[in-house]
Amino acid sequence: MDNFLDLKIPEDPAPIRRWRTPSAPIVPSNINSQPFVGRLGGNQLQAVSQSDPEYETLQRTNPDAVQSPKWSGILSLRPFADVHLWRSACLEGVGLCCWVFIAGLVSHGTANLSSATPLGPILPVAIAAVVQFLIITLFIFSLGPVTGAHLTPLITFATFLAKLTSLPRMVLYITFQCIGGVVGAYILRASLGGSPSTLVFSPGCYVDAAQVSATQAFALETMGALFVLFLAFGLGLDPRNQGSFGPALGPFLVGFSSAIALFAGGIAVPGYLGLSCNPARCLGLMSAAHRFTYHWVHWTGDLTACVVHAFIYYAVPPFCNQRIQD
């Protein structure tokens, strides 16, 4: 009995200690962010100003990281050795690959609506425009701080002519954008059964040569691309709009501008399913569909719009000391 009373009842085990890290703000210097004046939606907020002590150094090593860079820096081949630039270019390709795949699924799913309703192609083109608005807006928010969220040779080449993108960045971005578009289109075709005919009717990348002449297609694509560039630069790249809406609203406005262009072109002319404004995307879809009708228009029209826009940009430059020649 005494031994029984001497037994000690074991105490409850100590509660498990949950380790918690005290919250602290992230030090800005630890964030992997590369300054880039051509960031779409950033209104040149990420550019290094001329008062920065590293301005002259960056002018030589990363010319598109500073405000008002010189043509000698923009045309320099030195940034080709920058590993960060290659990573950004790869992400541009991945982004466009995802864009082509998701938008292609929507286009394929709504293709039959053109004959199922009295509205004809208006309904599928309208749905494609809404999807494009959402995709572009979300990608600008997602890729903007990393790559600048160009996602199309139209923006990349236009920013190059405006001295907002270096020559190496332009070459790498457009190359990987084309690769991403082609890869995304072939993955899309495989997911839909593997038949090239499933990708023929893609809003923005379909032209019926029997109903639309080459002159019409070129005029539509050129003016549509100029419309998108005019608004994209004013809403997403002009530092004079920093106080108006800034990075929070700019991506929505740029995406809305692109959606308007696609919808307007898609309902204007029979046999023309909307403005492209992205030749890399059309390159992928047309390659997978084995149909290249008027594909040269997607490139020449956009390049023409970029050249015209460059003259407009230099006529009213965003900075007082910016000149066409250095």
C-alpha atoms as a PDB file:
ATOM      1  CA  MET A   1       0.000   0.000   0.000  1.00  0.00           C
ATOM      2  CA  ASP A   2       2.811   2.351   0.868  1.00  0.00           C
ATOM      3  CA  ASN A   3       4.528   1.595  -2.403  1.00  0.00           C
ATOM      4  CA  PHE A   4       1.320   2.351  -4.218  1.00  0.00           C
ATOM      5  CA  LEU A   5       1.073   5.732  -2.546  1.00  0.00           C
ATOM      6  CA  ASP A   6       4.684   6.469  -3.414  1.00  0.00           C
ATOM      7  CA  LEU A   7       3.949   6.198  -7.128  1.00  0.00           C
ATOM      8  CA  LYS A   8       4.048   9.554  -8.803  1.00  0.00           C
ATOM      9  CA  ILE A   9       1.554  10.420 -11.434  1.00  0.00           C
ATOM     10  CA  PRO A  10       3.476  11.566 -14.513  1.00  0.00           C
ATOM     11  CA  GLU A  11       3.041  15.195 -15.369  1.00  0.00           C
ATOM     12  CA  ASP A  12       1.594  16.297 -18.642  1.00  0.00           C
ATOM     13  CA  PRO A  13       4.263  16.591 -21.328  1.00  0.00           C
ATOM     14  CA  ALA A  14       5.485  20.024 -22.099  1.00  0.00           C
ATOM     15  CA  PRO A  15       3.588  21.636 -24.935  1.00  0.00           C
ATOM     16  CA  ILE A  16       5.241  21.534 -28.312  1.00  0.00           C
ATOM     17  CA  ARG A  17       7.024  24.766 -28.941  1.00  0.00           C
ATOM     18  CA  ARG A  18       6.110  26.235 -32.270  1.00  0.00           C
ATOM     19  CA  TRP A  19       9.016  28.232 -33.579  1.00  0.00           C
ATOM     20  CA  ARG A  20       7.921  31.516 -35.022  1.00  0.00           C
ATOM     21  CA  THR A  21      10.095  33.909 -36.898  1.00  0.00           C
ATOM     22  CA  PRO A  22       9.536  37.493 -35.899  1.00  0.00           C
ATOM     23  CA  SER A  23       8.100  39.410 -38.824  1.00  0.00           C
ATOM     24  CA  ALA A  24      10.305  42.020 -40.380  1.00  0.00           C
ATOM     25  CA  PRO A  25      10.106  44.060 -43.566  1.00  0.00           C
ATOM     26  CA  ILE A  26      12.010  42.731 -46.548  1.00  0.00           C
ATOM     27  CA  VAL A  27      15.174  44.671 -47.184  1.00  0.00           C
ATOM     28  CA  PRO A  28      14.873  46.192 -50.688  1.00  0.00           C
ATOM     29  CA  SER A  29      18.494  45.347 -51.471  1.00  0.00           C
ATOM     30  CA  ASN A  30      17.667  41.621 -51.112  1.00  0.00           C
ATOM     31  CA  ILE A  31      15.034  41.694 -53.861  1.00  0.00           C
ATOM     32  CA  ASN A  32      16.291  40.496 -57.232  1.00  0.00           C
ATOM     33  CA  SER A  33      15.101  43.441 -59.290  1.00  0.00           C
ATOM     34  CA  GLN A  34      16.952  44.771 -62.323  1.00  0.00           C
ATOM     35  CA  PRO A  35      16.247  48.383 -63.369  1.00  0.00           C
ATOM     36  CA  PHE A  36      14.726  48.553 -66.845  1.00  0.00           C
ATOM     37  CA  VAL A  37      13.428  51.737 -68.462  1.00  0.00           C
ATOM     38  CA  GLY A  38      11.319  49.766 -70.955  1.00  0.00           C
ATOM     39  CA  ARG A  39       9.162  48.024 -68.377  1.00  0.00           C
ATOM     40  CA  LEU A  40       5.586  48.078 -69.630  1.00  0.00           C
ATOM     41  CA  GLY A  41       3.265  49.486 -67.008  1.00  0.00           C
ATOM     42  CA  GLY A  42       6.114  50.946 -64.973  1.00  0.00           C
ATOM     43  CA  ASN A  43       6.070  54.420 -66.554  1.00  0.00           C
ATOM     44  CA  GLN A  44       9.894  54.432 -66.353  1.00  0.00           C
ATOM     45  CA  LEU A  45       9.754  54.336 -62.547  1.00  0.00           C
ATOM     46  CA  GLN A  46      12.438  51.627 -62.593  1.00  0.00           C
ATOM     47  CA  ALA A  47      14.910  53.765 -64.558  1.00  0.00           C
ATOM     48  CA  VAL A  48      18.094  55.104 -62.994  1.00  0.00           C
ATOM     49  CA  SER A  49      18.134  58.888 -63.115  1.00  0.00           C
ATOM     50  CA  GLN A  50      21.078  60.992 -64.222  1.00  0.00           C
ATOM     51  CA  SER A  51      21.672  62.129 -60.654  1.00  0.00           C
ATOM     52  CA  ASP A  52      22.487  58.574 -59.568  1.00  0.00           C
ATOM     53  CA  PRO A  53      26.252  58.067 -58.955  1.00  0.00           C
ATOM     54  CA  GLU A  54      26.175  54.808 -60.979  1.00  0.00           C
ATOM     55  CA  TYR A  55      24.524  56.407 -63.998  1.00  0.00           C
ATOM     56  CA  GLU A  56      27.627  56.538 -66.181  1.00  0.00           C
ATOM     57  CA  THR A  57      28.631  52.990 -65.287  1.00  0.00           C
ATOM     58  CA  LEU A  58      25.191  51.619 -66.109  1.00  0.00           C
ATOM     59  CA  GLN A  59      25.195  53.645 -69.315  1.00  0.00           C
ATOM     60  CA  ARG A  60      27.931  51.301 -70.532  1.00  0.00           C
ATOM     61  CA  THR A  61      26.981  47.989 -68.907  1.00  0.00           C
ATOM     62  CA  ASN A  62      23.158  48.162 -68.837  1.00  0.00           C
ATOM     63  CA  PRO A  63      22.144  51.022 -71.124  1.00  0.00           C
ATOM     64  CA  ASP A  64      18.391  50.346 -70.950  1.00  0.00           C
ATOM     65  CA  ALA A  65      18.481  50.701 -67.166  1.00  0.00           C
ATOM     66  CA  VAL A  66      18.953  54.486 -67.258  1.00  0.00           C
ATOM     67  CA  GLN A  67      16.945  57.472 -68.374  1.00  0.00           C
ATOM     68  CA  SER A  68      17.832  58.976 -71.747  1.00  0.00           C
ATOM     69  CA  PRO A  69      20.540  56.469 -72.752  1.00  0.00           C
ATOM     70  CA  LYS A  70      22.857  57.126 -75.678  1.00  0.00           C
ATOM     71  CA  TRP A  71      22.605  55.270 -78.967  1.00  0.00           C
ATOM     72  CA  SER A  72      26.179  54.076 -78.505  1.00  0.00           C
ATOM     73  CA  GLY A  73      25.079  52.235 -75.378  1.00  0.00           C
ATOM     74  CA  ILE A  74      21.812  50.963 -76.848  1.00  0.00           C
ATOM     75  CA  LEU A  75      23.656  49.437 -79.820  1.00  0.00           C
ATOM     76  CA  SER A  76      26.437  47.958 -77.677  1.00  0.00           C
ATOM     77  CA  LEU A  77      26.760  44.175 -77.723  1.00  0.00           C
ATOM     78  CA  ARG A  78      28.114  44.027 -74.167  1.00  0.00           C
ATOM     79  CA  PRO A  79      24.742  43.104 -72.547  1.00  0.00           C
ATOM     80  CA  PHE A  80      24.809  39.793 -74.435  1.00  0.00           C
ATOM     81  CA  ALA A  81      27.170  38.601 -71.687  1.00  0.00           C
ATOM     82  CA  ASP A  82      24.656  39.443 -68.946  1.00  0.00           C
ATOM     83  CA  VAL A  83      23.115  36.212 -67.623  1.00  0.00           C
ATOM     84  CA  HIS A  84      20.173  38.131 -66.155  1.00  0.00           C
ATOM     85  CA  LEU A  85      19.210  39.263 -69.647  1.00  0.00           C
ATOM     86  CA  TRP A  86      19.122  35.678 -70.905  1.00  0.00           C
ATOM     87  CA  ARG A  87      16.948  34.666 -67.975  1.00  0.00           C
ATOM     88  CA  SER A  88      14.533  37.493 -68.695  1.00  0.00           C
ATOM     89  CA  ALA A  89      14.378  36.482 -72.356  1.00  0.00           C
ATOM     90  CA  CYS A  90      13.579  32.893 -71.366  1.00  0.00           C
ATOM     91  CA  LEU A  91      10.744  34.120 -69.159  1.00  0.00           C
ATOM     92  CA  GLU A  92       9.377  36.144 -72.070  1.00  0.00           C
ATOM     93  CA  GLY A  93       9.240  32.926 -74.066  1.00  0.00           C
ATOM     94  CA  VAL A  94       7.556  31.020 -71.235  1.00  0.00           C
ATOM     95  CA  GLY A  95       4.997  33.790 -70.823  1.00  0.00           C
ATOM     96  CA  LEU A  96       4.077  33.829 -74.504  1.00  0.00           C
ATOM     97  CA  CYS A  97       3.954  30.027 -74.547  1.00  0.00           C
ATOM     98  CA  CYS A  98       1.335  30.105 -71.769  1.00  0.00           C
ATOM     99  CA  TRP A  99      -0.547  32.933 -73.490  1.00  0.00           C
ATOM    100  CA  VAL A 100      -0.772  31.021 -76.791  1.00  0.00           C
ATOM    101  CA  PHE A 101      -1.920  27.865 -75.031  1.00  0.00           C
ATOM    102  CA  ILE A 102      -4.658  29.403 -72.862  1.00  0.00           C
ATOM    103  CA  ALA A 103      -5.972  31.783 -75.527  1.00  0.00           C
ATOM    104  CA  GLY A 104      -5.901  28.926 -78.036  1.00  0.00           C
ATOM    105  CA  LEU A 105      -8.084  26.783 -75.811  1.00  0.00           C
ATOM    106  CA  VAL A 106     -10.655  29.567 -75.622  1.00  0.00           C
ATOM    107  CA  SER A 107     -10.548  30.147 -79.379  1.00  0.00           C
ATOM    108  CA  HIS A 108     -11.042  26.459 -80.090  1.00  0.00           C
ATOM    109  CA  GLY A 109     -13.917  26.191 -77.630  1.00  0.00           C
ATOM    110  CA  THR A 110     -15.774  29.180 -79.063  1.00  0.00           C
ATOM    111  CA  ALA A 111     -15.102  28.583 -82.772  1.00  0.00           C
ATOM    112  CA  ASN A 112     -18.516  26.967 -83.354  1.00  0.00           C
ATOM    113  CA  LEU A 113     -20.335  30.001 -81.967  1.00  0.00           C
ATOM    114  CA  SER A 114     -19.796  31.870 -85.237  1.00  0.00           C
ATOM    115  CA  SER A 115     -22.297  29.585 -86.966  1.00  0.00           C
ATOM    116  CA  ALA A 116     -24.484  28.759 -83.964  1.00  0.00           C
ATOM    117  CA  THR A 117     -25.738  32.316 -83.398  1.00  0.00           C
ATOM    118  CA  PRO A 118     -26.970  35.075 -85.733  1.00  0.00           C
ATOM    119  CA  LEU A 119     -24.118  37.285 -84.503  1.00  0.00           C
ATOM    120  CA  GLY A 120     -21.628  35.367 -86.643  1.00  0.00           C
ATOM    121  CA  PRO A 121     -17.964  35.880 -85.734  1.00  0.00           C
ATOM    122  CA  ILE A 122     -18.763  38.813 -83.444  1.00  0.00           C
ATOM    123  CA  LEU A 123     -19.351  36.592 -80.405  1.00  0.00           C
ATOM    124  CA  PRO A 124     -16.163  34.473 -80.577  1.00  0.00           C
ATOM    125  CA  VAL A 125     -14.091  37.560 -81.371  1.00  0.00           C
ATOM    126  CA  ALA A 126     -15.650  39.404 -78.406  1.00  0.00           C
ATOM    127  CA  ILE A 127     -14.826  36.497 -76.098  1.00  0.00           C
ATOM    128  CA  ALA A 128     -11.279  36.394 -77.462  1.00  0.00           C
ATOM    129  CA  ALA A 129     -10.939  40.146 -76.818  1.00  0.00           C
ATOM    130  CA  VAL A 130     -12.064  39.767 -73.197  1.00  0.00           C
ATOM    131  CA  VAL A 131      -9.638  36.892 -72.666  1.00  0.00           C
ATOM    132  CA  GLN A 132      -6.818  38.909 -74.241  1.00  0.00           C
ATOM    133  CA  PHE A 133      -7.580  41.834 -71.937  1.00  0.00           C
ATOM    134  CA  LEU A 134      -7.333  39.584 -68.887  1.00  0.00           C
ATOM    135  CA  ILE A 135      -4.217  37.745 -70.078  1.00  0.00           C
ATOM    136  CA  ILE A 136      -2.259  40.882 -70.962  1.00  0.00           C
ATOM    137  CA  THR A 137      -3.233  42.650 -67.749  1.00  0.00           C
ATOM    138  CA  LEU A 138      -2.269  39.713 -65.546  1.00  0.00           C
ATOM    139  CA  PHE A 139       0.997  39.113 -67.385  1.00  0.00           C
ATOM    140  CA  ILE A 140       1.996  42.777 -67.047  1.00  0.00           C
ATOM    141  CA  PHE A 141       1.447  42.537 -63.297  1.00  0.00           C
ATOM    142  CA  SER A 142       3.298  39.208 -63.130  1.00  0.00           C
ATOM    143  CA  LEU A 143       6.221  39.669 -65.529  1.00  0.00           C
ATOM    144  CA  GLY A 144       6.492  43.447 -65.448  1.00  0.00           C
ATOM    145  CA  PRO A 145       8.922  43.620 -62.499  1.00  0.00           C
ATOM    146  CA  VAL A 146      11.023  40.803 -63.989  1.00  0.00           C
ATOM    147  CA  THR A 147      11.192  41.204 -67.775  1.00  0.00           C
ATOM    148  CA  GLY A 148       9.173  44.318 -68.559  1.00  0.00           C
ATOM    149  CA  ALA A 149       6.267  42.161 -69.826  1.00  0.00           C
ATOM    150  CA  HIS A 150       6.696  42.885 -73.525  1.00  0.00           C
ATOM    151  CA  LEU A 151       5.459  39.479 -74.709  1.00  0.00           C
ATOM    152  CA  THR A 152       5.297  40.676 -78.317  1.00  0.00           C
ATOM    153  CA  PRO A 153       7.884  41.829 -80.867  1.00  0.00           C
ATOM    154  CA  LEU A 154       5.688  44.890 -81.431  1.00  0.00           C
ATOM    155  CA  ILE A 155       6.458  46.334 -77.996  1.00  0.00           C
ATOM    156  CA  THR A 156      10.056  45.124 -77.979  1.00  0.00           C
ATOM    157  CA  PHE A 157      10.978  46.660 -81.331  1.00  0.00           C
ATOM    158  CA  ALA A 158       9.085  49.883 -80.600  1.00  0.00           C
ATOM    159  CA  THR A 159      10.904  50.354 -77.292  1.00  0.00           C
ATOM    160  CA  PHE A 160      14.202  49.684 -79.079  1.00  0.00           C
ATOM    161  CA  LEU A 161      13.526  52.495 -81.556  1.00  0.00           C
ATOM    162  CA  ALA A 162      12.632  54.739 -78.610  1.00  0.00           C
ATOM    163  CA  LYS A 163      15.932  53.892 -76.851  1.00  0.00           C
ATOM    164  CA  LEU A 164      14.104  52.091 -74.051  1.00  0.00           C
ATOM    165  CA  THR A 165      15.439  48.645 -74.961  1.00  0.00           C
ATOM    166  CA  SER A 166      19.002  47.697 -75.868  1.00  0.00           C
ATOM    167  CA  LEU A 167      19.854  45.873 -79.073  1.00  0.00           C
ATOM    168  CA  PRO A 168      20.851  42.627 -77.276  1.00  0.00           C
ATOM    169  CA  ARG A 169      17.633  42.651 -75.257  1.00  0.00           C
ATOM    170  CA  MET A 170      15.589  43.216 -78.421  1.00  0.00           C
ATOM    171  CA  VAL A 171      17.279  40.324 -80.244  1.00  0.00           C
ATOM    172  CA  LEU A 172      16.948  37.905 -77.330  1.00  0.00           C
ATOM    173  CA  TYR A 173      13.390  38.901 -76.450  1.00  0.00           C
ATOM    174  CA  ILE A 174      12.067  38.547 -80.006  1.00  0.00           C
ATOM    175  CA  THR A 175      13.923  35.245 -80.479  1.00  0.00           C
ATOM    176  CA  PHE A 176      12.527  33.684 -77.319  1.00  0.00           C
ATOM    177  CA  GLN A 177       9.078  35.156 -77.940  1.00  0.00           C
ATOM    178  CA  CYS A 178       8.994  33.349 -81.287  1.00  0.00           C
ATOM    179  CA  ILE A 179      10.244  30.132 -79.710  1.00  0.00           C
ATOM    180  CA  GLY A 180       7.653  30.379 -76.946  1.00  0.00           C
ATOM    181  CA  GLY A 181       4.861  31.030 -79.435  1.00  0.00           C
ATOM    182  CA  VAL A 182       5.793  28.003 -81.534  1.00  0.00           C
ATOM    183  CA  VAL A 183       6.191  25.693 -78.527  1.00  0.00           C
ATOM    184  CA  GLY A 184       2.892  26.830 -77.014  1.00  0.00           C
ATOM    185  CA  ALA A 185       1.046  26.316 -80.312  1.00  0.00           C
ATOM    186  CA  TYR A 186       2.361  22.789 -80.815  1.00  0.00           C
ATOM    187  CA  ILE A 187       1.513  21.854 -77.233  1.00  0.00           C
ATOM    188  CA  LEU A 188      -1.953  23.300 -77.839  1.00  0.00           C
ATOM    189  CA  ARG A 189      -2.359  21.250 -81.019  1.00  0.00           C
ATOM    190  CA  ALA A 190      -1.275  18.094 -79.234  1.00  0.00           C
ATOM    191  CA  SER A 191      -3.766  18.713 -76.420  1.00  0.00           C
ATOM    192  CA  LEU A 192      -6.598  19.171 -78.934  1.00  0.00           C
ATOM    193  CA  GLY A 193      -5.934  15.959 -80.819  1.00  0.00           C
ATOM    194  CA  GLY A 194      -2.960  16.726 -83.026  1.00  0.00           C
ATOM    195  CA  SER A 195      -4.784  17.961 -86.130  1.00  0.00           C
ATOM    196  CA  PRO A 196      -3.489  21.209 -87.693  1.00  0.00           C
ATOM    197  CA  SER A 197      -7.044  22.142 -88.692  1.00  0.00           C
ATOM    198  CA  THR A 198      -7.962  22.719 -85.043  1.00  0.00           C
ATOM    199  CA  LEU A 199      -5.825  25.891 -84.963  1.00  0.00           C
ATOM    200  CA  VAL A 200      -6.827  27.496 -88.256  1.00  0.00           C
ATOM    201  CA  PHE A 201      -9.530  29.828 -86.926  1.00  0.00           C
ATOM    202  CA  SER A 202      -7.612  31.816 -84.306  1.00  0.00           C
ATOM    203  CA  PRO A 203      -8.819  35.402 -83.652  1.00  0.00           C
ATOM    204  CA  GLY A 204      -5.986  37.793 -84.437  1.00  0.00           C
ATOM    205  CA  CYS A 205      -4.117  35.278 -86.587  1.00  0.00           C
ATOM    206  CA  TYR A 206      -6.589  34.309 -89.313  1.00  0.00           C
ATOM    207  CA  VAL A 207      -7.071  36.009 -92.679  1.00  0.00           C
ATOM    208  CA  ASP A 208      -9.189  34.625 -95.508  1.00  0.00           C
ATOM    209  CA  ALA A 209      -7.320  35.544 -98.700  1.00  0.00           C
ATOM    210  CA  ALA A 210     -10.523  35.089-100.713  1.00  0.00           C
ATOM    211  CA  GLN A 211     -12.274  37.885 -98.809  1.00  0.00           C
ATOM    212  CA  VAL A 212      -9.426  40.149 -97.685  1.00  0.00           C
ATOM    213  CA  SER A 213      -6.757  41.542 -99.995  1.00  0.00           C
ATOM    214  CA  ALA A 214      -3.128  41.980 -98.986  1.00  0.00           C
ATOM    215  CA  THR A 215      -3.541  45.768 -99.062  1.00  0.00           C
ATOM    216  CA  GLN A 216      -6.506  45.602 -96.696  1.00  0.00           C
ATOM    217  CA  ALA A 217      -4.695  43.280 -94.299  1.00  0.00           C
ATOM    218  CA  PHE A 218      -1.595  45.490 -94.266  1.00  0.00           C
ATOM    219  CA  ALA A 219      -3.592  48.664 -93.632  1.00  0.00           C
ATOM    220  CA  LEU A 220      -5.618  47.051 -90.851  1.00  0.00           C
ATOM    221  CA  GLU A 221      -2.585  45.571 -89.110  1.00  0.00           C
ATOM    222  CA  THR A 222      -0.468  48.723 -89.409  1.00  0.00           C
ATOM    223  CA  MET A 223      -3.101  51.093 -88.045  1.00  0.00           C
ATOM    224  CA  GLY A 224      -4.140  48.654 -85.343  1.00  0.00           C
ATOM    225  CA  ALA A 225      -0.538  48.224 -84.209  1.00  0.00           C
ATOM    226  CA  LEU A 226      -0.028  52.004 -84.229  1.00  0.00           C
ATOM    227  CA  PHE A 227      -3.159  52.379 -82.100  1.00  0.00           C
ATOM    228  CA  VAL A 228      -1.840  49.866 -79.554  1.00  0.00           C
ATOM    229  CA  LEU A 229       1.633  51.455 -79.478  1.00  0.00           C
ATOM    230  CA  PHE A 230       0.271  54.973 -79.102  1.00  0.00           C
ATOM    231  CA  LEU A 231      -1.757  53.961 -76.063  1.00  0.00           C
ATOM    232  CA  ALA A 232       0.769  51.519 -74.597  1.00  0.00           C
ATOM    233  CA  PHE A 233       3.521  54.153 -74.553  1.00  0.00           C
ATOM    234  CA  GLY A 234       1.228  56.847 -73.200  1.00  0.00           C
ATOM    235  CA  LEU A 235      -0.367  54.659 -70.548  1.00  0.00           C
ATOM    236  CA  GLY A 236       2.437  52.291 -69.594  1.00  0.00           C
ATOM    237  CA  LEU A 237       5.762  53.934 -70.495  1.00  0.00           C
ATOM    238  CA  ASP A 238       5.360  57.696 -70.258  1.00  0.00           C
ATOM    239  CA  PRO A 239       6.766  59.047 -66.960  1.00  0.00           C
ATOM    240  CA  ARG A 240       4.434  62.031 -67.253  1.00  0.00           C
ATOM    241  CA  ASN A 241       1.583  59.717 -66.261  1.00  0.00           C
ATOM    242  CA  GLN A 242       3.217  58.511 -63.062  1.00  0.00           C
ATOM    243  CA  GLY A 243       0.973  60.691 -60.939  1.00  0.00           C
ATOM    244  CA  SER A 244      -2.175  60.093 -62.988  1.00  0.00           C
ATOM    245  CA  PHE A 245      -2.609  56.363 -62.379  1.00  0.00           C
ATOM    246  CA  GLY A 246       0.849  54.741 -62.179  1.00  0.00           C
ATOM    247  CA  PRO A 247       1.699  51.028 -62.148  1.00  0.00           C
ATOM    248  CA  ALA A 248      -1.542  50.036 -60.385  1.00  0.00           C
ATOM    249  CA  LEU A 249      -3.902  51.030 -63.206  1.00  0.00           C
ATOM    250  CA  GLY A 250      -1.555  51.088 -66.216  1.00  0.00           C
ATOM    251  CA  PRO A 251      -1.652  47.317 -66.910  1.00  0.00           C
ATOM    252  CA  PHE A 252      -5.457  47.354 -67.051  1.00  0.00           C
ATOM    253  CA  LEU A 253      -5.445  50.213 -69.545  1.00  0.00           C
ATOM    254  CA  VAL A 254      -2.799  48.602 -71.767  1.00  0.00           C
ATOM    255  CA  GLY A 255      -4.691  45.309 -71.768  1.00  0.00           C
ATOM    256  CA  PHE A 256      -7.944  47.109 -72.562  1.00  0.00           C
ATOM    257  CA  SER A 257      -6.299  48.910 -75.486  1.00  0.00           C
ATOM    258  CA  SER A 258      -5.147  45.620 -77.000  1.00  0.00           C
ATOM    259  CA  ALA A 259      -8.599  44.083 -76.531  1.00  0.00           C
ATOM    260  CA  ILE A 260     -10.238  47.002 -78.338  1.00  0.00           C
ATOM    261  CA  ALA A 261      -7.884  46.576 -81.294  1.00  0.00           C
ATOM    262  CA  LEU A 262      -8.616  42.859 -81.555  1.00  0.00           C
ATOM    263  CA  PHE A 263     -12.386  43.337 -81.348  1.00  0.00           C
ATOM    264  CA  ALA A 264     -12.505  46.267 -83.781  1.00  0.00           C
ATOM    265  CA  GLY A 265     -10.546  44.418 -86.425  1.00  0.00           C
ATOM    266  CA  GLY A 266     -12.567  41.243 -85.948  1.00  0.00           C
ATOM    267  CA  ILE A 267     -15.945  42.814 -86.671  1.00  0.00           C
ATOM    268  CA  ALA A 268     -14.927  45.274 -89.393  1.00  0.00           C
ATOM    269  CA  VAL A 269     -14.121  43.044 -92.379  1.00  0.00           C
ATOM    270  CA  PRO A 270     -15.508  39.574 -93.191  1.00  0.00           C
ATOM    271  CA  GLY A 271     -12.756  36.996 -93.326  1.00  0.00           C
ATOM    272  CA  TYR A 272     -10.509  38.966 -90.956  1.00  0.00           C
ATOM    273  CA  LEU A 273     -10.651  37.753 -87.352  1.00  0.00           C
ATOM    274  CA  GLY A 274      -9.038  40.671 -85.596  1.00  0.00           C
ATOM    275  CA  LEU A 275      -5.762  42.525 -85.436  1.00  0.00           C
ATOM    276  CA  SER A 276      -2.709  40.529 -84.456  1.00  0.00           C
ATOM    277  CA  CYS A 277      -0.291  43.056 -82.887  1.00  0.00           C
ATOM    278  CA  ASN A 278       1.781  40.018 -81.927  1.00  0.00           C
ATOM    279  CA  PRO A 279       3.601  38.365 -84.857  1.00  0.00           C
ATOM    280  CA  ALA A 280       5.341  35.877 -82.555  1.00  0.00           C
ATOM    281  CA  ARG A 281       1.983  34.534 -81.389  1.00  0.00           C
ATOM    282  CA  CYS A 282       0.737  34.227 -84.960  1.00  0.00           C
ATOM    283  CA  LEU A 283       3.995  32.582 -86.015  1.00  0.00           C
ATOM    284  CA  GLY A 284       3.369  29.826 -83.489  1.00  0.00           C
ATOM    285  CA  LEU A 285      -0.305  29.309 -84.304  1.00  0.00           C
ATOM    286  CA  MET A 286       0.243  29.408 -88.062  1.00  0.00           C
ATOM    287  CA  SER A 287       3.189  27.021 -87.849  1.00  0.00           C
ATOM    288  CA  ALA A 288       1.142  24.492 -85.924  1.00  0.00           C
ATOM    289  CA  ALA A 289      -1.825  24.991 -88.283  1.00  0.00           C
ATOM    290  CA  HIS A 290       0.346  24.684 -91.422  1.00  0.00           C
ATOM    291  CA  ARG A 291      -1.224  27.870 -92.737  1.00  0.00           C
ATOM    292  CA  PHE A 292       0.795  31.062 -93.349  1.00  0.00           C
ATOM    293  CA  THR A 293      -1.732  33.156 -95.273  1.00  0.00           C
ATOM    294  CA  TYR A 294      -0.611  36.810 -95.112  1.00  0.00           C
ATOM    295  CA  HIS A 295       1.676  36.085 -92.174  1.00  0.00           C
ATOM    296  CA  TRP A 296       4.181  38.537 -93.639  1.00  0.00           C
ATOM    297  CA  VAL A 297       1.596  41.254 -92.929  1.00  0.00           C
ATOM    298  CA  HIS A 298       1.833  40.562 -89.201  1.00  0.00           C
ATOM    299  CA  TRP A 299       5.543  41.419 -89.331  1.00  0.00           C
ATOM    300  CA  THR A 300       5.686  44.217 -91.907  1.00  0.00           C
ATOM    301  CA  GLY A 301       2.579  45.921 -90.569  1.00  0.00           C
ATOM    302  CA  ASP A 302       3.881  45.918 -87.000  1.00  0.00           C
ATOM    303  CA  LEU A 303       7.383  47.050 -88.018  1.00  0.00           C
ATOM    304  CA  THR A 304       5.903  49.898 -90.062  1.00  0.00           C
ATOM    305  CA  ALA A 305       3.827  50.971 -87.087  1.00  0.00           C
ATOM    306  CA  CYS A 306       6.945  50.920 -84.893  1.00  0.00           C
ATOM    307  CA  VAL A 307       8.836  53.209 -87.267  1.00  0.00           C
ATOM    308  CA  VAL A 308       5.931  55.659 -87.527  1.00  0.00           C
ATOM    309  CA  HIS A 309       5.507  55.648 -83.765  1.00  0.00           C
ATOM    310  CA  ALA A 310       9.229  56.339 -83.263  1.00  0.00           C
ATOM    311  CA  PHE A 311       8.877  59.635 -85.152  1.00  0.00           C
ATOM    312  CA  ILE A 312       5.890  60.540 -82.988  1.00  0.00           C
ATOM    313  CA  TYR A 313       7.791  59.617 -79.823  1.00  0.00           C
ATOM    314  CA  TYR A 314      10.795  61.788 -80.669  1.00  0.00           C
ATOM    315  CA  ALA A 315       8.563  64.675 -81.706  1.00  0.00           C
ATOM    316  CA  VAL A 316       7.346  64.955 -78.095  1.00  0.00           C
ATOM    317  CA  PRO A 317       9.944  63.135 -75.939  1.00  0.00           C
ATOM    318  CA  PRO A 318       9.173  62.515 -72.258  1.00  0.00           C
ATOM    319  CA  PHE A 319      12.333  64.281 -71.044  1.00  0.00           C
ATOM    320  CA  CYS A 320      13.377  67.818 -71.924  1.00  0.00           C
ATOM    321  CA  ASN A 321      16.998  66.846 -72.632  1.00  0.00           C
ATOM    322  CA  GLN A 322      16.190  63.825 -74.792  1.00  0.00           C
ATOM    323  CA  ARG A 323      17.472  64.033 -78.374  1.00  0.00           C
ATOM    324  CA  ILE A 324      17.352  61.813 -81.421  1.00  0.00           C
ATOM    325  CA  GLN A 325      21.136  61.894 -81.775  1.00  0.00           C
ATOM    326  CA  ASP A 326      23.728  62.014 -78.984  1.00  0.00           C
END
